Every structure is written in C-alpha cells, then in structure tokens.
C-alpha cells in the first residue's frame, strides 16, 4: 500500500466516522431547554395577571420516556437494564429487541416546571439508548437528568 493511498484511506475513514457520529447525535436528542408561554386557563376576577420571562427560570429537560407506539397510546417501555455507578443512575433500553417484533418506538422528553412534553419517532438505525441521572440532585422529586447516549 502506498503512503498516499494510506493517507487517503485514513482521511476517508475519519470523515466517515465523523459523519456517522454526527448523524447519531443529530437523530435522537432532546432539546436541552425550551421556552413555554403560560397563562391562566380562565379569567380571575379582581386579579391582574403577569408573568416572569423564561430567562429567569430555564425550562430544562428533566426526563426521558421510551414508548412502544406514539406516546398518546400510553404504552411506556421499561428499561432493559438499570445500574448505579457511583452517584449516577444509568437506565438502558435495548431497542433492537423490541424492533425485532416489528414495534414502532418513540421518545418523549419532559421538562421542569411545565407539563409540555416533546416526542418523536425513534429512527430505525438506533439500537440502544442509555439515560444518565445524577442521584445526588433532585428536581421535583426526580433525579436530575444529565445526558442521553444512543447508538
């Protein structure tokens, strides 16, 4: 193998690896923060209504739920594995096992201080997802979400 060919091969593999890595991260991740608009559902006589800007209280991702079918069908999928490493709780879903049965899988992202959730169908090429929580910190009685890794 010539040196020039070898360098091109290494360069091509690096680009290929970068492209797949970018694709993996792009396809399935919750937006880390969202902005919501809140107002009372009905008029409150005798009261003036105002609100603070979302900048004063970031609406951060707080939890991840995996579903078999659209989330509206309420068929949440329990993790395939759960373990504690130090102060981290790691939940893992082996999605390829569920897909082998022909099931459609969905992701739902929940956020602190709001009932707004985001959901999307999980791309077919994603086989395993792990969700990491910090057991030292809590928000609204739940462990603090740290990150999600899917491949």
N, C-alpha and C. Protein backbone atom coordinates (compact mmCIF):
# COMPACT_ATOMS: atom_id res chain seq x y z
N UNK A 1 0.85 -1.16 0.00
CA UNK A 1 0.00 0.00 0.00
C UNK A 1 0.90 1.24 0.00
N UNK A 2 0.63 2.16 -0.90
CA UNK A 2 1.46 3.36 -0.97
C UNK A 2 1.09 4.30 0.16
N UNK A 3 2.03 5.17 0.47
CA UNK A 3 1.80 6.13 1.55
C UNK A 3 0.63 7.04 1.20
N UNK A 4 0.54 7.50 -0.03
CA UNK A 4 -0.53 8.39 -0.47
C UNK A 4 -1.89 7.70 -0.32
N UNK A 5 -1.97 6.44 -0.73
CA UNK A 5 -3.22 5.69 -0.61
C UNK A 5 -3.59 5.53 0.86
N UNK A 6 -2.60 5.21 1.69
CA UNK A 6 -2.84 5.02 3.12
C UNK A 6 -3.38 6.30 3.76
N UNK A 7 -2.77 7.43 3.44
CA UNK A 7 -3.23 8.71 3.99
C UNK A 7 -4.66 8.99 3.55
N UNK A 8 -4.99 8.75 2.28
CA UNK A 8 -6.36 8.95 1.80
C UNK A 8 -7.34 8.02 2.53
N UNK A 9 -6.92 6.78 2.75
CA UNK A 9 -7.77 5.81 3.44
C UNK A 9 -8.05 6.26 4.87
N UNK A 10 -7.02 6.70 5.57
CA UNK A 10 -7.19 7.19 6.94
C UNK A 10 -8.09 8.42 6.95
N UNK A 11 -7.88 9.34 6.03
CA UNK A 11 -8.68 10.56 5.94
C UNK A 11 -10.14 10.22 5.64
N UNK A 12 -10.38 9.31 4.72
CA UNK A 12 -11.73 8.90 4.37
C UNK A 12 -12.44 8.26 5.57
N UNK A 13 -11.74 7.38 6.29
CA UNK A 13 -12.33 6.75 7.47
C UNK A 13 -12.64 7.77 8.56
N UNK A 14 -11.77 8.77 8.72
CA UNK A 14 -12.03 9.81 9.72
C UNK A 14 -13.28 10.59 9.35
N UNK A 15 -13.41 10.96 8.08
CA UNK A 15 -14.61 11.67 7.64
C UNK A 15 -15.85 10.81 7.79
N UNK A 16 -15.75 9.56 7.44
CA UNK A 16 -16.87 8.64 7.54
C UNK A 16 -17.29 8.49 9.00
N UNK A 17 -16.34 8.33 9.89
CA UNK A 17 -16.64 8.20 11.31
C UNK A 17 -17.27 9.46 11.86
N UNK A 18 -16.78 10.62 11.44
CA UNK A 18 -17.35 11.88 11.89
C UNK A 18 -18.79 12.01 11.41
N UNK A 19 -19.03 11.65 10.19
CA UNK A 19 -20.37 11.76 9.63
C UNK A 19 -21.37 10.88 10.36
N UNK A 20 -21.00 9.63 10.65
CA UNK A 20 -21.91 8.75 11.38
C UNK A 20 -22.10 9.22 12.81
N UNK A 21 -21.03 9.72 13.42
CA UNK A 21 -21.15 10.24 14.78
C UNK A 21 -22.09 11.43 14.83
N UNK A 22 -21.98 12.32 13.86
CA UNK A 22 -22.87 13.47 13.81
C UNK A 22 -24.30 13.02 13.58
N UNK A 23 -24.48 12.03 12.72
CA UNK A 23 -25.81 11.51 12.45
C UNK A 23 -26.41 10.90 13.71
N UNK A 24 -25.62 10.18 14.46
CA UNK A 24 -26.12 9.54 15.68
C UNK A 24 -26.59 10.57 16.69
N UNK A 25 -25.84 11.65 16.85
CA UNK A 25 -26.22 12.66 17.81
C UNK A 25 -27.36 13.53 17.30
N UNK A 26 -27.44 13.73 16.00
CA UNK A 26 -28.46 14.58 15.42
C UNK A 26 -29.83 13.93 15.47
N UNK A 27 -29.88 12.62 15.29
CA UNK A 27 -31.15 11.93 15.13
C UNK A 27 -31.97 11.79 16.38
N UNK A 28 -31.37 11.74 17.56
CA UNK A 28 -32.13 11.46 18.76
C UNK A 28 -31.53 12.15 19.97
N UNK A 29 -31.97 13.33 20.23
CA UNK A 29 -31.61 14.03 21.46
C UNK A 29 -32.70 15.04 21.76
N UNK A 30 -32.96 15.21 23.01
CA UNK A 30 -33.97 16.19 23.43
C UNK A 30 -33.34 17.58 23.41
N UNK A 31 -34.08 18.59 23.00
CA UNK A 31 -33.56 19.95 23.18
C UNK A 31 -33.28 20.16 24.67
N UNK A 32 -32.12 20.70 25.01
CA UNK A 32 -31.74 20.82 26.42
C UNK A 32 -32.62 21.80 27.18
N UNK A 33 -33.10 22.83 26.52
CA UNK A 33 -34.04 23.77 27.14
C UNK A 33 -35.12 24.14 26.12
N UNK A 34 -36.27 24.55 26.63
CA UNK A 34 -37.35 25.03 25.78
C UNK A 34 -37.93 26.29 26.39
N UNK A 35 -38.62 27.06 25.58
CA UNK A 35 -39.35 28.22 26.07
C UNK A 35 -40.83 27.90 25.98
N UNK A 36 -41.56 28.22 27.02
CA UNK A 36 -43.00 27.99 27.02
C UNK A 36 -43.70 29.29 27.36
N UNK A 37 -44.95 29.38 26.96
CA UNK A 37 -45.78 30.53 27.27
C UNK A 37 -46.92 30.03 28.14
N UNK A 38 -47.04 30.59 29.33
CA UNK A 38 -48.08 30.15 30.25
C UNK A 38 -49.03 31.30 30.56
N UNK A 39 -50.31 30.95 30.71
CA UNK A 39 -51.32 31.91 31.11
C UNK A 39 -52.44 31.16 31.81
N UNK A 40 -53.20 31.82 32.63
CA UNK A 40 -54.32 31.15 33.30
C UNK A 40 -55.34 30.64 32.28
N UNK A 41 -55.94 29.50 32.58
CA UNK A 41 -56.93 28.92 31.69
C UNK A 41 -58.24 29.68 31.71
N UNK A 42 -58.48 30.47 32.77
CA UNK A 42 -59.72 31.26 32.84
C UNK A 42 -59.41 32.61 33.47
N UNK A 43 -60.32 33.56 33.27
CA UNK A 43 -60.18 34.90 33.85
C UNK A 43 -60.29 34.81 35.37
N UNK A 44 -59.49 35.56 36.06
CA UNK A 44 -59.54 35.62 37.52
C UNK A 44 -59.98 37.02 37.92
N UNK A 45 -61.26 37.15 38.22
CA UNK A 45 -61.81 38.48 38.52
C UNK A 45 -61.10 39.11 39.71
N UNK A 46 -60.76 40.38 39.52
CA UNK A 46 -60.11 41.14 40.57
C UNK A 46 -58.60 40.98 40.61
N UNK A 47 -58.05 40.20 39.70
CA UNK A 47 -56.61 39.96 39.69
C UNK A 47 -56.00 40.44 38.38
N UNK A 48 -54.82 41.04 38.48
CA UNK A 48 -54.02 41.35 37.30
C UNK A 48 -53.08 40.17 37.07
N UNK A 49 -52.96 39.74 35.84
CA UNK A 49 -52.11 38.60 35.51
C UNK A 49 -50.84 39.10 34.83
N UNK A 50 -49.69 38.63 35.30
CA UNK A 50 -48.41 38.92 34.65
C UNK A 50 -47.54 37.68 34.80
N UNK A 51 -46.41 37.68 34.11
CA UNK A 51 -45.51 36.54 34.22
C UNK A 51 -44.08 37.01 34.12
N UNK A 52 -43.18 36.19 34.65
CA UNK A 52 -41.76 36.46 34.54
C UNK A 52 -41.26 35.88 33.23
N UNK A 53 -40.19 36.42 32.72
CA UNK A 53 -39.64 35.89 31.47
C UNK A 53 -39.06 34.50 31.71
N UNK A 54 -39.00 33.70 30.64
CA UNK A 54 -38.43 32.36 30.74
C UNK A 54 -36.95 32.40 31.08
N UNK A 55 -36.29 33.54 30.82
CA UNK A 55 -34.87 33.64 31.12
C UNK A 55 -34.63 33.56 32.62
N UNK A 56 -35.60 33.98 33.43
CA UNK A 56 -35.44 33.93 34.87
C UNK A 56 -35.50 32.49 35.39
N UNK A 57 -36.16 31.61 34.66
CA UNK A 57 -36.29 30.22 35.08
C UNK A 57 -36.20 29.33 33.85
N UNK A 58 -35.00 28.84 33.53
CA UNK A 58 -34.88 27.99 32.34
C UNK A 58 -35.73 26.72 32.47
N UNK A 59 -36.37 26.37 31.38
CA UNK A 59 -37.16 25.15 31.33
C UNK A 59 -36.24 24.09 30.75
N UNK A 60 -35.66 23.25 31.62
CA UNK A 60 -34.65 22.28 31.21
C UNK A 60 -35.24 20.89 31.09
N UNK A 61 -34.62 20.09 30.23
CA UNK A 61 -35.05 18.70 30.09
C UNK A 61 -34.84 18.01 31.44
N UNK A 62 -35.85 17.25 31.86
CA UNK A 62 -35.77 16.60 33.17
C UNK A 62 -35.92 15.09 33.11
N UNK A 63 -36.51 14.58 32.04
CA UNK A 63 -36.70 13.14 31.98
C UNK A 63 -36.94 12.64 30.58
N UNK A 64 -36.70 11.35 30.41
CA UNK A 64 -36.84 10.68 29.12
C UNK A 64 -37.74 9.47 29.34
N UNK A 65 -38.67 9.28 28.42
CA UNK A 65 -39.51 8.08 28.45
C UNK A 65 -39.53 7.48 27.05
N UNK A 66 -39.39 6.17 26.98
CA UNK A 66 -39.48 5.46 25.71
C UNK A 66 -40.84 4.78 25.63
N UNK A 67 -41.43 4.82 24.45
CA UNK A 67 -42.77 4.25 24.25
C UNK A 67 -42.78 3.25 23.11
N UNK A 68 -43.67 2.27 23.24
CA UNK A 68 -43.96 1.36 22.14
C UNK A 68 -45.21 1.95 21.49
N UNK A 69 -45.03 2.56 20.33
CA UNK A 69 -46.11 3.30 19.68
C UNK A 69 -46.09 4.75 20.14
N UNK A 70 -46.94 5.60 19.55
CA UNK A 70 -46.97 7.01 19.91
C UNK A 70 -47.28 7.18 21.41
N UNK A 71 -46.68 8.18 22.06
CA UNK A 71 -46.89 8.39 23.50
C UNK A 71 -48.37 8.54 23.89
N UNK A 72 -49.19 9.04 23.00
CA UNK A 72 -50.61 9.20 23.31
C UNK A 72 -51.28 7.87 23.65
N UNK A 73 -50.69 6.76 23.19
CA UNK A 73 -51.23 5.43 23.49
C UNK A 73 -50.83 4.94 24.87
N UNK A 74 -49.94 5.67 25.55
CA UNK A 74 -49.53 5.40 26.93
C UNK A 74 -48.93 4.02 27.17
N UNK A 75 -48.18 3.51 26.21
CA UNK A 75 -47.52 2.22 26.36
C UNK A 75 -46.03 2.45 26.59
N UNK A 76 -45.68 2.96 27.77
CA UNK A 76 -44.27 3.22 28.05
C UNK A 76 -43.51 1.91 28.17
N UNK A 77 -42.26 1.97 27.81
CA UNK A 77 -41.40 0.79 27.80
C UNK A 77 -40.41 0.88 28.96
N UNK A 78 -40.39 -0.12 29.84
CA UNK A 78 -39.42 -0.09 30.94
C UNK A 78 -38.01 -0.30 30.40
N UNK A 79 -37.00 0.17 31.14
CA UNK A 79 -35.62 -0.05 30.68
C UNK A 79 -35.27 -1.53 30.69
N UNK A 80 -34.37 -1.90 29.82
CA UNK A 80 -33.86 -3.27 29.76
C UNK A 80 -32.87 -3.53 30.88
N UNK A 81 -32.20 -2.46 31.34
CA UNK A 81 -31.18 -2.58 32.37
C UNK A 81 -31.15 -1.31 33.19
N UNK A 82 -30.87 -1.46 34.47
CA UNK A 82 -30.73 -0.32 35.37
C UNK A 82 -29.56 -0.59 36.28
N UNK A 83 -28.62 0.37 36.38
CA UNK A 83 -27.49 0.18 37.28
C UNK A 83 -27.06 1.51 37.86
N UNK A 84 -26.38 1.43 38.98
CA UNK A 84 -25.83 2.60 39.63
C UNK A 84 -24.32 2.50 39.57
N UNK A 85 -23.70 3.55 39.06
CA UNK A 85 -22.25 3.64 39.01
C UNK A 85 -21.87 4.91 39.76
N UNK A 86 -21.31 4.73 40.95
CA UNK A 86 -21.02 5.88 41.80
C UNK A 86 -22.33 6.57 42.16
N UNK A 87 -22.43 7.82 41.83
CA UNK A 87 -23.64 8.60 42.11
C UNK A 87 -24.53 8.76 40.88
N UNK A 88 -24.28 7.94 39.87
CA UNK A 88 -25.05 8.01 38.62
C UNK A 88 -26.01 6.83 38.52
N UNK A 89 -27.23 7.12 38.13
CA UNK A 89 -28.20 6.08 37.79
C UNK A 89 -28.22 6.00 36.27
N UNK A 90 -28.00 4.81 35.72
CA UNK A 90 -27.97 4.63 34.27
C UNK A 90 -29.06 3.64 33.88
N UNK A 91 -30.00 4.12 33.06
CA UNK A 91 -31.08 3.29 32.54
C UNK A 91 -30.79 3.03 31.07
N UNK A 92 -30.89 1.77 30.64
CA UNK A 92 -30.58 1.41 29.26
C UNK A 92 -31.76 0.68 28.63
N UNK A 93 -32.08 1.07 27.40
CA UNK A 93 -33.13 0.42 26.61
C UNK A 93 -32.47 -0.26 25.41
N UNK A 94 -32.66 -1.56 25.27
CA UNK A 94 -32.19 -2.31 24.10
C UNK A 94 -33.32 -2.27 23.07
N UNK A 95 -33.29 -1.27 22.23
CA UNK A 95 -34.38 -1.04 21.28
C UNK A 95 -34.43 -2.09 20.18
N UNK A 96 -33.28 -2.66 19.84
CA UNK A 96 -33.25 -3.65 18.76
C UNK A 96 -34.09 -4.88 19.11
N UNK A 97 -34.20 -5.22 20.39
CA UNK A 97 -35.01 -6.37 20.78
C UNK A 97 -36.50 -6.10 20.53
N UNK A 98 -36.93 -4.88 20.79
CA UNK A 98 -38.32 -4.53 20.57
C UNK A 98 -38.63 -4.41 19.07
N UNK A 99 -37.63 -3.90 18.32
CA UNK A 99 -37.84 -3.74 16.87
C UNK A 99 -37.95 -5.09 16.17
N UNK A 100 -37.28 -6.10 16.70
CA UNK A 100 -37.34 -7.41 16.06
C UNK A 100 -38.77 -7.95 16.08
N UNK A 101 -39.61 -7.41 16.94
CA UNK A 101 -41.02 -7.80 16.99
C UNK A 101 -41.87 -6.90 16.10
N UNK A 102 -41.23 -5.98 15.37
CA UNK A 102 -41.94 -5.09 14.46
C UNK A 102 -42.62 -3.90 15.15
N UNK A 103 -42.17 -3.54 16.33
CA UNK A 103 -42.80 -2.46 17.07
C UNK A 103 -42.24 -1.10 16.67
N UNK A 104 -43.08 -0.08 16.69
CA UNK A 104 -42.67 1.29 16.43
C UNK A 104 -42.31 1.93 17.77
N UNK A 105 -41.15 2.54 17.86
CA UNK A 105 -40.66 3.09 19.12
C UNK A 105 -40.60 4.61 19.07
N UNK A 106 -40.95 5.22 20.20
CA UNK A 106 -40.99 6.68 20.32
C UNK A 106 -40.23 7.14 21.55
N UNK A 107 -39.75 8.38 21.49
CA UNK A 107 -39.07 9.04 22.59
C UNK A 107 -39.92 10.21 23.04
N UNK A 108 -40.02 10.41 24.36
CA UNK A 108 -40.70 11.59 24.89
C UNK A 108 -39.75 12.30 25.85
N UNK A 109 -39.65 13.61 25.71
CA UNK A 109 -38.79 14.43 26.57
C UNK A 109 -39.69 15.27 27.46
N UNK A 110 -39.48 15.19 28.76
CA UNK A 110 -40.25 16.03 29.68
C UNK A 110 -39.32 17.10 30.26
N UNK A 111 -39.93 18.18 30.73
CA UNK A 111 -39.18 19.35 31.16
C UNK A 111 -39.64 19.82 32.54
N UNK A 112 -38.71 20.48 33.26
CA UNK A 112 -39.03 21.00 34.58
C UNK A 112 -40.03 22.15 34.49
N UNK A 113 -40.85 22.29 35.50
CA UNK A 113 -41.75 23.43 35.68
C UNK A 113 -42.76 23.63 34.55
N UNK A 114 -43.09 22.58 33.82
CA UNK A 114 -44.10 22.68 32.77
C UNK A 114 -44.68 21.30 32.49
N UNK A 115 -45.87 21.28 31.92
CA UNK A 115 -46.46 20.00 31.50
C UNK A 115 -46.26 19.78 30.00
N UNK A 116 -45.49 20.64 29.36
CA UNK A 116 -45.17 20.49 27.94
C UNK A 116 -44.17 19.35 27.76
N UNK A 117 -44.45 18.45 26.84
CA UNK A 117 -43.52 17.37 26.50
C UNK A 117 -43.30 17.37 25.00
N UNK A 118 -42.14 16.90 24.57
CA UNK A 118 -41.82 16.76 23.15
C UNK A 118 -41.65 15.28 22.86
N UNK A 119 -42.12 14.85 21.70
CA UNK A 119 -41.96 13.44 21.34
C UNK A 119 -41.63 13.31 19.87
N UNK A 120 -40.95 12.21 19.54
CA UNK A 120 -40.64 11.91 18.14
C UNK A 120 -40.40 10.42 18.00
N UNK A 121 -40.63 9.95 16.78
CA UNK A 121 -40.40 8.54 16.47
C UNK A 121 -38.88 8.30 16.45
N UNK A 122 -38.46 7.20 17.01
CA UNK A 122 -37.03 6.87 17.08
C UNK A 122 -36.59 6.29 15.74
N UNK A 123 -35.55 6.84 15.13
CA UNK A 123 -35.07 6.30 13.85
C UNK A 123 -34.71 4.82 13.95
N UNK A 124 -34.92 4.11 12.88
CA UNK A 124 -34.70 2.66 12.84
C UNK A 124 -33.27 2.24 13.16
N UNK A 125 -32.29 3.07 12.82
CA UNK A 125 -30.90 2.67 12.98
C UNK A 125 -30.42 2.76 14.42
N UNK A 126 -31.19 3.37 15.31
CA UNK A 126 -30.79 3.45 16.72
C UNK A 126 -31.14 2.14 17.40
N UNK A 127 -30.15 1.51 18.02
CA UNK A 127 -30.34 0.18 18.59
C UNK A 127 -30.38 0.18 20.12
N UNK A 128 -29.62 1.07 20.75
CA UNK A 128 -29.53 1.10 22.21
C UNK A 128 -29.46 2.54 22.67
N UNK A 129 -30.19 2.87 23.74
CA UNK A 129 -30.11 4.20 24.35
C UNK A 129 -29.90 4.05 25.85
N UNK A 130 -29.01 4.87 26.39
CA UNK A 130 -28.78 4.92 27.83
C UNK A 130 -29.04 6.34 28.30
N UNK A 131 -29.72 6.45 29.44
CA UNK A 131 -30.06 7.74 30.03
C UNK A 131 -29.38 7.82 31.39
N UNK A 132 -28.68 8.92 31.65
CA UNK A 132 -27.89 9.10 32.86
C UNK A 132 -28.55 10.15 33.75
N UNK A 133 -28.69 9.81 35.04
CA UNK A 133 -29.24 10.73 36.03
C UNK A 133 -28.26 10.87 37.19
N UNK A 134 -28.23 12.05 37.81
CA UNK A 134 -27.39 12.32 38.98
C UNK A 134 -28.21 12.02 40.23
N UNK A 135 -27.82 11.01 40.99
CA UNK A 135 -28.56 10.62 42.18
C UNK A 135 -28.34 11.58 43.36
N UNK A 136 -27.36 12.49 43.24
CA UNK A 136 -27.09 13.46 44.30
C UNK A 136 -28.03 14.66 44.25
N UNK A 137 -28.68 14.86 43.11
CA UNK A 137 -29.51 16.05 42.92
C UNK A 137 -30.93 15.66 42.54
N UNK A 138 -31.88 16.45 43.00
CA UNK A 138 -33.28 16.19 42.68
C UNK A 138 -33.97 17.49 42.24
N UNK A 139 -34.91 17.33 41.31
CA UNK A 139 -35.79 18.42 40.89
C UNK A 139 -37.19 17.81 40.84
N UNK A 140 -38.11 18.44 41.55
CA UNK A 140 -39.48 17.95 41.59
C UNK A 140 -39.53 16.46 41.94
N UNK A 141 -38.75 16.04 42.94
CA UNK A 141 -38.68 14.66 43.45
C UNK A 141 -38.07 13.64 42.50
N UNK A 142 -37.49 14.06 41.41
CA UNK A 142 -36.84 13.14 40.47
C UNK A 142 -35.35 13.45 40.44
N UNK A 143 -34.55 12.42 40.13
CA UNK A 143 -33.12 12.66 39.95
C UNK A 143 -32.91 13.60 38.77
N UNK A 144 -31.82 14.34 38.81
CA UNK A 144 -31.51 15.32 37.77
C UNK A 144 -30.96 14.61 36.53
N UNK A 145 -31.59 14.87 35.39
CA UNK A 145 -31.15 14.34 34.11
C UNK A 145 -29.80 14.93 33.75
N UNK A 146 -28.88 14.07 33.28
CA UNK A 146 -27.57 14.54 32.84
C UNK A 146 -27.39 14.46 31.34
N UNK A 147 -27.63 13.26 30.78
CA UNK A 147 -27.42 13.10 29.33
C UNK A 147 -28.08 11.82 28.85
N UNK A 148 -28.19 11.74 27.52
CA UNK A 148 -28.69 10.54 26.87
C UNK A 148 -27.70 10.18 25.77
N UNK A 149 -27.35 8.90 25.67
CA UNK A 149 -26.46 8.43 24.62
C UNK A 149 -27.15 7.31 23.87
N UNK A 150 -27.25 7.47 22.55
CA UNK A 150 -27.87 6.45 21.71
C UNK A 150 -26.92 6.05 20.59
N UNK A 151 -26.99 4.78 20.24
CA UNK A 151 -26.16 4.31 19.13
C UNK A 151 -26.89 3.22 18.39
